[in-house]
Amino acid sequence: MPAYATNMRLKFPIVALVLEIVTIILFALFVVYDDGKHHGGHGAKPNETHHEAGPMDLYPMFQDVHVMIFIGFGFLMTFLKRYGFSSVGINLLLAAFGLQWGLLLQNFWHLEDGKIKVSIFKIINADFSTATVLISFGAVLGKTSPLQLLIMTLLEITIFSINEHLVANILEANDVGASMIIHAYGAYFGLAVARVLYRPGLRNGHENDGSVYHSDLFAMIGTVFLWMFWPSFNSAIADPGLTQLTAVINTYLSLASCVLSAYAISSLVEHKGKLDMVHIQNATLAGGVAVGTCADMDIGPFGAMLIGLVAGIISTLGFKYLSPILASNLGIQDTCGVHNLHGMPGILGGLAGIVAVALGKKEGHASMQAAALASSLAFAVAGGVITGLIMKLPFLGQPPDQNCFDDAIYWEVPEEEEENEESLAHADHSKNKAEA
């Protein structure tokens, strides 16, 4: 049994503060307020200039996306019975660092007069970059330290910004709701990390890797916030006007249709036709993921509903049948089932985009859409493997198997049951002996 250096007393504060100070220095050198004067020519993002109508026009969209990142993703992951502090708390930490880092890295590709001019459009995109990390976080939830996750955030957003630049500016592919560059990328990045961090000791499960009544209810808060605001996520950076309206309507209808198919399939595959809360928390959102790439395309309201219907079906079936196979046969222990909510629906979205562009629903080349999907998956898997290997470094404080899915190893937890305190006292005792 390897000794895990889980005491965060110095390592975590030093790394967190160094990352923040470096970021502040970079902001001092490169970041200024938006002045509304823009040079054109950003390739696939002509919408960069559309906030000239009013610098605050996109603020309501930004608020919605912000709610999704901090409440939606945060609470969606609180389903574990002893891991709620970490789910919401580390979500806040990673997103707060990630949006700063994302703001820098996404915009280094197109400096204006050597500066990044911060606009609402750019902070929405920075929030988007953090979504990739929060998706990946779901795959390794409960099995990683805050320090490991900060390192993952740093690396994942760096790699994300390269792929995003390639997809949007070089391939000039359409991916307005980011099915490919956020959802598929974040999911497969997380799965690759989870594979590298595979724990044979958790092969037969873990007593804390499960929910209780109230933790599943908390997770539904995340689901409902995500579900309500997803139309904003998919339309925030669409061209203003009717294109943006199309993206809102397509997402709204896809999500609604997805709920019906997710509930139907859940009842179909579960014991005695009962509904499974895991399916309801997750698969009901798959329509938002899957319609992302063609959200702003003229696929027809019925087209959006069909995409949602299929997404709800594959997501629910994934939770029921595919996750156990990935865990037992491929060694991918995907805590939140991100493969079912973001991975497969993300690929479905990418494929729908290829078909829609081929049918002329939006200007572009189907081959570039396909290249964008391939690029996103390749960067995700390669980046995830490299990141996982770095996260394995012993001093990053990965929790031992018996302390997985438990807040108490990294948080002050109020009066838990006695048994918990005893096991911690025992761990502390052996740690003190080791230090002595």
Protein backbone atom coordinates (compact mmCIF):
# COMPACT_ATOMS: atom_id res chain seq x y z
CA MET A 1 0.00 0.00 0.00
CA PRO A 2 1.72 3.24 -1.11
CA ALA A 3 1.93 6.04 1.43
CA TYR A 4 -0.13 8.97 0.21
CA ALA A 5 1.01 12.45 1.19
CA THR A 6 -2.47 13.80 1.80
CA ASN A 7 -1.55 16.55 4.26
CA MET A 8 -2.29 19.72 2.29
CA ARG A 9 -1.04 22.21 4.87
CA LEU A 10 1.79 23.72 2.85
CA LYS A 11 1.52 22.23 -0.61
CA PHE A 12 -2.00 23.36 -1.38
CA PRO A 13 -1.71 26.98 -0.16
CA ILE A 14 1.63 27.43 -1.93
CA VAL A 15 0.41 26.04 -5.26
CA ALA A 16 -2.89 27.95 -5.09
CA LEU A 17 -1.19 31.27 -4.26
CA VAL A 18 1.61 30.81 -6.80
CA LEU A 19 -0.94 30.09 -9.55
CA GLU A 20 -2.95 33.16 -8.56
CA ILE A 21 0.08 35.47 -8.35
CA VAL A 22 1.40 34.30 -11.73
CA THR A 23 -2.08 34.90 -13.17
CA ILE A 24 -2.19 38.40 -11.68
CA ILE A 25 1.21 39.21 -13.20
CA LEU A 26 0.01 38.01 -16.61
CA PHE A 27 -3.15 40.11 -16.24
CA ALA A 28 -1.00 43.13 -15.37
CA LEU A 29 0.96 42.63 -18.57
CA PHE A 30 -1.80 41.70 -21.01
CA VAL A 31 -5.32 42.48 -19.83
CA VAL A 32 -7.21 45.77 -20.20
CA TYR A 33 -10.87 46.83 -20.23
CA ASP A 34 -12.76 46.60 -23.48
CA ASP A 35 -12.90 49.96 -25.25
CA GLY A 36 -15.34 48.89 -27.96
CA LYS A 37 -12.80 49.51 -30.75
CA HIS A 38 -12.04 46.19 -32.42
CA HIS A 39 -9.93 45.05 -35.31
CA GLY A 40 -11.84 42.57 -37.43
CA GLY A 41 -10.47 39.35 -38.77
CA HIS A 42 -10.85 36.78 -36.01
CA GLY A 43 -11.81 34.10 -38.48
CA ALA A 44 -14.68 32.04 -37.19
CA LYS A 45 -15.81 34.44 -34.51
CA PRO A 46 -17.28 37.47 -36.26
CA ASN A 47 -19.59 37.78 -33.27
CA GLU A 48 -16.64 39.21 -31.31
CA THR A 49 -17.80 42.65 -32.41
CA HIS A 50 -21.47 42.26 -31.80
CA HIS A 51 -21.41 43.75 -28.33
CA GLU A 52 -20.69 47.16 -29.83
CA ALA A 53 -24.46 47.63 -29.89
CA GLY A 54 -24.12 47.85 -26.13
CA PRO A 55 -21.28 46.53 -24.02
CA MET A 56 -23.76 45.03 -21.53
CA ASP A 57 -26.17 43.44 -24.02
CA LEU A 58 -24.87 39.94 -23.30
CA TYR A 59 -24.87 40.35 -19.52
CA PRO A 60 -28.10 38.35 -18.96
CA MET A 61 -26.60 35.48 -20.98
CA PHE A 62 -23.42 35.72 -18.91
CA GLN A 63 -25.42 35.49 -15.68
CA ASP A 64 -27.20 32.37 -16.91
CA VAL A 65 -23.95 30.68 -17.90
CA HIS A 66 -22.43 31.68 -14.57
CA VAL A 67 -25.34 30.08 -12.70
CA MET A 68 -24.83 26.88 -14.70
CA ILE A 69 -21.12 26.75 -13.90
CA PHE A 70 -21.36 27.46 -10.17
CA ILE A 71 -24.80 26.18 -9.11
CA GLY A 72 -25.63 23.74 -11.90
CA PHE A 73 -22.38 21.79 -12.13
CA GLY A 74 -21.66 22.23 -8.41
CA PHE A 75 -24.90 20.78 -7.12
CA LEU A 76 -25.25 18.16 -9.85
CA MET A 77 -22.25 16.42 -8.26
CA THR A 78 -23.55 16.45 -4.68
CA PHE A 79 -25.28 13.08 -5.06
CA LEU A 80 -22.52 11.26 -3.10
CA LYS A 81 -23.57 10.81 0.53
CA ARG A 82 -20.35 12.06 2.12
CA TYR A 83 -18.90 14.25 -0.58
CA GLY A 84 -21.17 17.30 -0.79
CA PHE A 85 -18.64 19.82 0.57
CA SER A 86 -16.11 18.72 -2.02
CA SER A 87 -18.58 18.68 -4.89
CA VAL A 88 -19.80 22.24 -4.44
CA GLY A 89 -16.64 23.55 -2.80
CA ILE A 90 -14.00 22.26 -5.16
CA ASN A 91 -16.28 23.11 -8.09
CA LEU A 92 -16.10 26.75 -6.92
CA LEU A 93 -12.32 26.60 -6.55
CA LEU A 94 -11.66 25.07 -9.97
CA ALA A 95 -14.11 27.36 -11.77
CA ALA A 96 -12.70 30.49 -10.09
CA PHE A 97 -9.15 29.63 -11.13
CA GLY A 98 -10.23 28.24 -14.50
CA LEU A 99 -12.09 31.33 -15.66
CA GLN A 100 -9.04 33.50 -15.03
CA TRP A 101 -6.72 31.08 -16.80
CA GLY A 102 -9.22 30.58 -19.64
CA LEU A 103 -9.58 34.33 -20.18
CA LEU A 104 -5.83 34.52 -20.77
CA LEU A 105 -5.28 31.40 -22.84
CA GLN A 106 -8.28 31.67 -25.13
CA ASN A 107 -7.36 35.23 -26.09
CA PHE A 108 -3.61 34.88 -26.54
CA TRP A 109 -4.44 33.80 -30.08
CA HIS A 110 -5.84 37.20 -30.93
CA LEU A 111 -4.29 40.01 -28.96
CA GLU A 112 -5.31 43.50 -30.02
CA ASP A 113 -2.37 45.93 -29.81
CA GLY A 114 -0.71 43.31 -27.63
CA LYS A 115 -3.58 43.32 -25.14
CA ILE A 116 -6.64 41.26 -24.22
CA LYS A 117 -9.63 43.57 -24.06
CA VAL A 118 -12.08 42.06 -21.60
CA SER A 119 -15.70 42.13 -22.74
CA ILE A 120 -18.80 40.24 -21.62
CA PHE A 121 -18.35 38.04 -24.70
CA LYS A 122 -14.86 37.08 -23.52
CA ILE A 123 -15.90 36.34 -19.95
CA ILE A 124 -18.69 34.11 -21.22
CA ASN A 125 -16.09 32.21 -23.23
CA ALA A 126 -13.83 32.04 -20.17
CA ASP A 127 -16.71 30.48 -18.22
CA PHE A 128 -17.14 28.00 -21.08
CA SER A 129 -13.50 26.93 -20.78
CA THR A 130 -14.06 26.06 -17.11
CA ALA A 131 -17.00 23.85 -18.06
CA THR A 132 -14.55 21.38 -19.63
CA VAL A 133 -12.76 21.01 -16.30
CA LEU A 134 -15.99 20.61 -14.32
CA ILE A 135 -17.11 17.86 -16.70
CA SER A 136 -13.79 16.04 -16.27
CA PHE A 137 -14.00 16.57 -12.49
CA GLY A 138 -17.17 14.45 -12.58
CA ALA A 139 -15.26 11.47 -13.97
CA VAL A 140 -12.70 11.49 -11.13
CA LEU A 141 -15.03 12.80 -8.41
CA GLY A 142 -14.18 11.49 -4.97
CA LYS A 143 -10.80 10.03 -5.95
CA THR A 144 -8.61 13.12 -6.31
CA SER A 145 -7.15 15.84 -4.09
CA PRO A 146 -7.79 19.58 -4.49
CA LEU A 147 -4.13 19.92 -5.47
CA GLN A 148 -4.38 17.31 -8.22
CA LEU A 149 -7.49 19.05 -9.52
CA LEU A 150 -5.84 22.48 -9.65
CA ILE A 151 -3.08 20.96 -11.78
CA MET A 152 -5.74 19.32 -13.97
CA THR A 153 -7.46 22.70 -14.42
CA LEU A 154 -4.21 24.36 -15.47
CA LEU A 155 -3.42 21.69 -18.06
CA GLU A 156 -6.92 20.97 -19.33
CA ILE A 157 -7.77 24.60 -20.12
CA THR A 158 -4.39 25.07 -21.80
CA ILE A 159 -5.04 22.11 -24.10
CA PHE A 160 -8.70 23.14 -24.55
CA SER A 161 -7.69 26.57 -25.81
CA ILE A 162 -5.43 25.02 -28.46
CA ASN A 163 -8.21 22.75 -29.71
CA GLU A 164 -10.77 25.55 -29.59
CA HIS A 165 -8.51 27.80 -31.69
CA LEU A 166 -7.96 24.98 -34.16
CA VAL A 167 -11.68 24.19 -34.46
CA ALA A 168 -13.04 27.74 -34.59
CA ASN A 169 -10.32 29.68 -36.38
CA ILE A 170 -8.41 27.19 -38.51
CA LEU A 171 -11.01 24.56 -39.43
CA GLU A 172 -13.75 27.22 -39.18
CA ALA A 173 -16.17 24.58 -37.99
CA ASN A 174 -19.55 25.38 -36.46
CA ASP A 175 -19.95 24.44 -32.79
CA VAL A 176 -22.00 27.19 -31.22
CA GLY A 177 -23.20 25.19 -28.22
CA ALA A 178 -19.86 23.38 -28.01
CA SER A 179 -21.06 19.75 -28.15
CA MET A 180 -17.62 18.87 -29.49
CA ILE A 181 -15.15 21.34 -28.00
CA ILE A 182 -16.60 21.40 -24.47
CA HIS A 183 -18.80 18.35 -23.85
CA ALA A 184 -17.07 15.62 -25.83
CA TYR A 185 -13.65 17.09 -25.02
CA GLY A 186 -14.34 17.44 -21.29
CA ALA A 187 -15.84 13.96 -21.04
CA TYR A 188 -13.11 12.05 -22.85
CA PHE A 189 -10.38 14.10 -21.17
CA GLY A 190 -11.88 13.12 -17.81
CA LEU A 191 -12.26 9.47 -18.83
CA ALA A 192 -8.61 9.34 -19.94
CA VAL A 193 -7.52 10.84 -16.60
CA ALA A 194 -9.76 8.34 -14.76
CA ARG A 195 -8.19 5.48 -16.72
CA VAL A 196 -4.65 6.57 -15.82
CA LEU A 197 -5.67 6.99 -12.16
CA TYR A 198 -7.40 3.59 -12.16
CA ARG A 199 -7.77 2.10 -8.68
CA PRO A 200 -7.93 -1.71 -8.56
CA GLY A 201 -8.95 -1.37 -4.89
CA LEU A 202 -12.26 0.21 -5.92
CA ARG A 203 -13.08 -2.50 -8.43
CA ASN A 204 -15.79 -3.91 -6.21
CA GLY A 205 -17.17 -0.52 -5.26
CA HIS A 206 -16.79 1.56 -2.11
CA GLU A 207 -19.24 2.02 0.75
CA ASN A 208 -19.35 5.80 0.26
CA ASP A 209 -19.71 5.67 -3.53
CA GLY A 210 -23.45 6.05 -3.38
CA SER A 211 -26.22 8.43 -2.51
CA VAL A 212 -28.72 8.94 0.29
CA TYR A 213 -32.19 10.45 0.00
CA HIS A 214 -31.19 14.05 0.69
CA SER A 215 -27.99 13.96 -1.39
CA ASP A 216 -29.97 12.90 -4.46
CA LEU A 217 -32.37 15.75 -3.79
CA PHE A 218 -29.46 18.22 -3.64
CA ALA A 219 -28.20 16.91 -6.97
CA MET A 220 -31.59 17.66 -8.51
CA ILE A 221 -31.03 21.35 -7.69
CA GLY A 222 -28.08 21.26 -10.04
CA THR A 223 -30.10 19.42 -12.67
CA VAL A 224 -32.95 21.91 -12.63
CA PHE A 225 -30.66 24.95 -12.84
CA LEU A 226 -28.73 23.40 -15.72
CA TRP A 227 -31.95 22.41 -17.45
CA MET A 228 -33.46 25.88 -17.17
CA PHE A 229 -30.42 27.81 -18.31
CA TRP A 230 -29.10 25.51 -21.03
CA PRO A 231 -30.74 27.58 -23.80
CA SER A 232 -28.48 30.45 -22.74
CA PHE A 233 -25.41 28.21 -22.78
CA ASN A 234 -26.08 27.12 -26.35
CA SER A 235 -27.02 30.56 -27.66
CA ALA A 236 -24.72 32.89 -25.72
CA ILE A 237 -22.12 33.29 -28.47
CA ALA A 238 -24.47 32.81 -31.44
CA ASP A 239 -24.85 35.72 -33.86
CA PRO A 240 -27.33 38.14 -32.31
CA GLY A 241 -30.87 38.37 -33.58
CA LEU A 242 -32.74 35.53 -35.23
CA THR A 243 -29.78 33.14 -35.17
CA GLN A 244 -29.60 33.47 -31.41
CA LEU A 245 -33.36 32.98 -31.16
CA THR A 246 -33.05 29.79 -33.23
CA ALA A 247 -30.40 28.49 -30.81
CA VAL A 248 -32.65 29.21 -27.81
CA ILE A 249 -35.69 27.51 -29.38
CA ASN A 250 -33.78 24.46 -30.59
CA THR A 251 -32.23 23.94 -27.14
CA TYR A 252 -35.53 24.53 -25.34
CA LEU A 253 -37.31 21.93 -27.45
CA SER A 254 -34.48 19.40 -27.45
CA LEU A 255 -34.32 19.48 -23.65
CA ALA A 256 -38.08 19.07 -23.30
CA SER A 257 -38.16 16.11 -25.67
CA CYS A 258 -35.15 14.57 -23.93
CA VAL A 259 -36.94 14.55 -20.57
CA LEU A 260 -39.73 12.39 -21.95
CA SER A 261 -37.40 9.82 -23.49
CA ALA A 262 -35.13 9.72 -20.42
CA TYR A 263 -38.08 9.06 -18.10
CA ALA A 264 -39.52 6.48 -20.49
CA ILE A 265 -36.30 4.51 -20.86
CA SER A 266 -35.52 4.74 -17.15
CA SER A 267 -38.87 3.16 -16.30
CA LEU A 268 -38.39 0.58 -19.07
CA VAL A 269 -35.02 -0.72 -17.87
CA GLU A 270 -35.44 -0.45 -14.09
CA HIS A 271 -36.82 -3.00 -11.67
CA LYS A 272 -40.64 -3.01 -11.70
CA GLY A 273 -40.73 0.02 -13.97
CA LYS A 274 -39.55 2.42 -11.26
CA LEU A 275 -37.64 5.61 -12.11
CA ASP A 276 -33.95 5.82 -11.24
CA MET A 277 -32.84 9.17 -9.81
CA VAL A 278 -29.41 8.89 -11.47
CA HIS A 279 -31.08 8.83 -14.89
CA ILE A 280 -33.37 11.73 -14.03
CA GLN A 281 -30.51 13.87 -12.71
CA ASN A 282 -28.37 13.36 -15.78
CA ALA A 283 -30.03 11.95 -18.87
CA THR A 284 -32.68 14.70 -18.84
CA LEU A 285 -29.88 17.14 -19.71
CA ALA A 286 -28.43 15.16 -22.62
CA GLY A 287 -30.66 17.00 -25.10
CA GLY A 288 -28.89 20.24 -24.26
CA VAL A 289 -25.51 18.67 -24.95
CA ALA A 290 -26.54 16.91 -28.15
CA VAL A 291 -28.24 19.87 -29.82
CA GLY A 292 -25.30 22.16 -29.09
CA THR A 293 -23.40 21.96 -32.37
CA CYS A 294 -26.44 22.61 -34.53
CA ALA A 295 -28.30 24.82 -32.05
CA ASP A 296 -28.05 27.86 -34.35
CA MET A 297 -28.80 25.90 -37.54
CA ASP A 298 -32.08 25.70 -39.38
CA ILE A 299 -32.78 22.08 -38.41
CA GLY A 300 -36.46 22.79 -37.72
CA PRO A 301 -38.11 22.58 -34.30
CA PHE A 302 -38.95 18.90 -34.95
CA GLY A 303 -35.27 18.25 -35.78
CA ALA A 304 -34.23 19.61 -32.40
CA MET A 305 -36.84 17.44 -30.71
CA LEU A 306 -35.60 14.34 -32.52
CA ILE A 307 -32.04 15.04 -31.38
CA GLY A 308 -33.30 15.42 -27.80
CA LEU A 309 -35.31 12.21 -28.02
CA VAL A 310 -32.29 10.20 -29.18
CA ALA A 311 -29.99 11.86 -26.63
CA GLY A 312 -32.28 10.93 -23.73
CA ILE A 313 -32.39 7.32 -24.91
CA ILE A 314 -28.63 6.82 -25.38
CA SER A 315 -27.79 8.64 -22.15
CA THR A 316 -30.16 6.54 -20.02
CA LEU A 317 -29.05 3.29 -21.65
CA GLY A 318 -25.44 4.37 -21.08
CA PHE A 319 -26.02 4.75 -17.35
CA LYS A 320 -27.80 1.43 -17.15
CA TYR A 321 -25.60 -0.77 -19.34
CA LEU A 322 -22.42 0.94 -20.53
CA SER A 323 -20.97 2.42 -17.32
CA PRO A 324 -20.62 -0.99 -15.63
CA ILE A 325 -18.87 -2.33 -18.75
CA LEU A 326 -16.43 0.60 -18.87
CA ALA A 327 -15.63 0.06 -15.20
CA SER A 328 -15.19 -3.70 -15.30
CA ASN A 329 -13.65 -4.21 -18.75
CA LEU A 330 -11.77 -0.99 -19.48
CA GLY A 331 -10.85 0.13 -15.98
CA ILE A 332 -12.59 3.49 -16.41
CA GLN A 333 -14.22 4.33 -13.08
CA ASP A 334 -16.47 7.22 -14.11
CA THR A 335 -18.01 8.48 -10.84
CA CYS A 336 -20.68 10.78 -12.30
CA GLY A 337 -21.22 8.95 -15.58
CA VAL A 338 -19.93 11.90 -17.62
CA HIS A 339 -19.58 9.55 -20.57
CA ASN A 340 -23.37 9.21 -20.64
CA LEU A 341 -24.25 12.88 -20.17
CA HIS A 342 -21.41 14.64 -22.01
CA GLY A 343 -19.43 12.02 -23.94
CA MET A 344 -21.92 10.15 -26.09
CA PRO A 345 -24.39 13.06 -26.45
CA GLY A 346 -21.40 15.27 -27.35
CA ILE A 347 -20.46 12.88 -30.14
CA LEU A 348 -24.11 12.70 -31.19
CA GLY A 349 -24.08 16.51 -31.36
CA GLY A 350 -20.94 16.47 -33.47
CA LEU A 351 -22.47 13.92 -35.86
CA ALA A 352 -25.72 15.91 -36.06
CA GLY A 353 -23.61 18.95 -36.97
CA ILE A 354 -21.88 17.06 -39.77
CA VAL A 355 -25.25 15.98 -41.19
CA ALA A 356 -26.81 19.43 -40.81
CA VAL A 357 -23.92 21.17 -42.57
CA ALA A 358 -23.91 18.51 -45.30
CA LEU A 359 -27.62 19.23 -45.82
CA GLY A 360 -26.84 22.93 -46.16
CA LYS A 361 -28.51 24.01 -42.90
CA LYS A 362 -25.54 26.26 -42.21
CA GLU A 363 -22.62 27.51 -44.29
CA GLY A 364 -19.56 25.36 -43.92
CA HIS A 365 -18.00 22.06 -44.91
CA ALA A 366 -19.11 18.75 -43.48
CA SER A 367 -15.50 17.55 -43.68
CA MET A 368 -14.41 20.42 -41.39
CA GLN A 369 -17.17 19.48 -38.92
CA ALA A 370 -15.85 15.91 -38.93
CA ALA A 371 -12.28 17.15 -38.47
CA ALA A 372 -13.41 19.28 -35.52
CA LEU A 373 -14.98 16.27 -33.82
CA ALA A 374 -11.90 14.14 -34.43
CA SER A 375 -9.59 16.90 -33.20
CA SER A 376 -11.61 17.40 -30.02
CA LEU A 377 -11.52 13.68 -29.21
CA ALA A 378 -7.81 13.36 -30.02
CA PHE A 379 -6.81 16.35 -27.90
CA ALA A 380 -9.06 15.07 -25.10
CA VAL A 381 -7.62 11.56 -24.94
CA ALA A 382 -3.97 12.54 -25.45
CA GLY A 383 -4.28 15.50 -23.08
CA GLY A 384 -6.10 13.42 -20.48
CA VAL A 385 -3.48 10.68 -20.50
CA ILE A 386 -0.61 13.16 -20.09
CA THR A 387 -2.50 15.08 -17.39
CA GLY A 388 -3.36 11.86 -15.56
CA LEU A 389 0.30 10.81 -15.51
CA ILE A 390 1.27 14.19 -14.02
CA MET A 391 -1.57 13.97 -11.47
CA LYS A 392 -0.18 10.60 -10.33
CA LEU A 393 2.89 12.27 -8.83
CA PRO A 394 2.85 11.17 -5.18
CA PHE A 395 3.20 14.63 -3.57
CA LEU A 396 -0.07 15.82 -5.14
CA GLY A 397 -1.89 14.12 -2.29
CA GLN A 398 -4.14 11.59 -3.99
CA PRO A 399 -6.40 10.08 -1.31
CA PRO A 400 -5.91 6.39 -0.42
CA ASP A 401 -8.67 4.02 -1.50
CA GLN A 402 -10.33 3.82 1.92
CA ASN A 403 -10.64 7.64 2.11
CA CYS A 404 -12.20 8.08 -1.32
CA PHE A 405 -15.64 9.69 -1.64
CA ASP A 406 -15.23 11.23 1.82
CA ASP A 407 -15.04 14.95 2.57
CA ALA A 408 -13.34 14.41 5.92
CA ILE A 409 -9.88 13.87 4.42
CA TYR A 410 -9.73 17.43 3.02
CA TRP A 411 -12.44 19.32 4.93
CA GLU A 412 -13.37 20.14 8.50
CA VAL A 413 -16.63 18.22 8.68
CA PRO A 414 -19.15 18.98 11.48
CA GLU A 415 -20.15 16.15 13.84
CA GLU A 416 -20.20 13.11 11.60
CA GLU A 417 -21.07 9.72 13.01
CA GLU A 418 -18.57 8.45 15.58
CA GLU A 419 -17.28 5.67 13.34
CA ASN A 420 -16.00 8.29 10.94
CA GLU A 421 -14.10 10.18 13.60
CA GLU A 422 -12.59 6.96 14.86
CA SER A 423 -11.29 6.02 11.42
CA LEU A 424 -9.83 9.52 11.05
CA ALA A 425 -8.26 9.42 14.50
CA HIS A 426 -6.70 6.11 13.50
CA ALA A 427 -5.40 7.63 10.25
CA ASP A 428 -4.01 10.64 12.13
CA HIS A 429 -2.38 8.36 14.68
CA SER A 430 -0.61 6.30 12.03
CA LYS A 431 0.37 9.50 10.22
CA ASN A 432 1.90 10.95 13.38
CA LYS A 433 3.81 7.72 13.93
CA ALA A 434 5.09 7.89 10.36
CA GLU A 435 6.14 11.53 10.77
CA ALA A 436 7.90 10.71 14.06
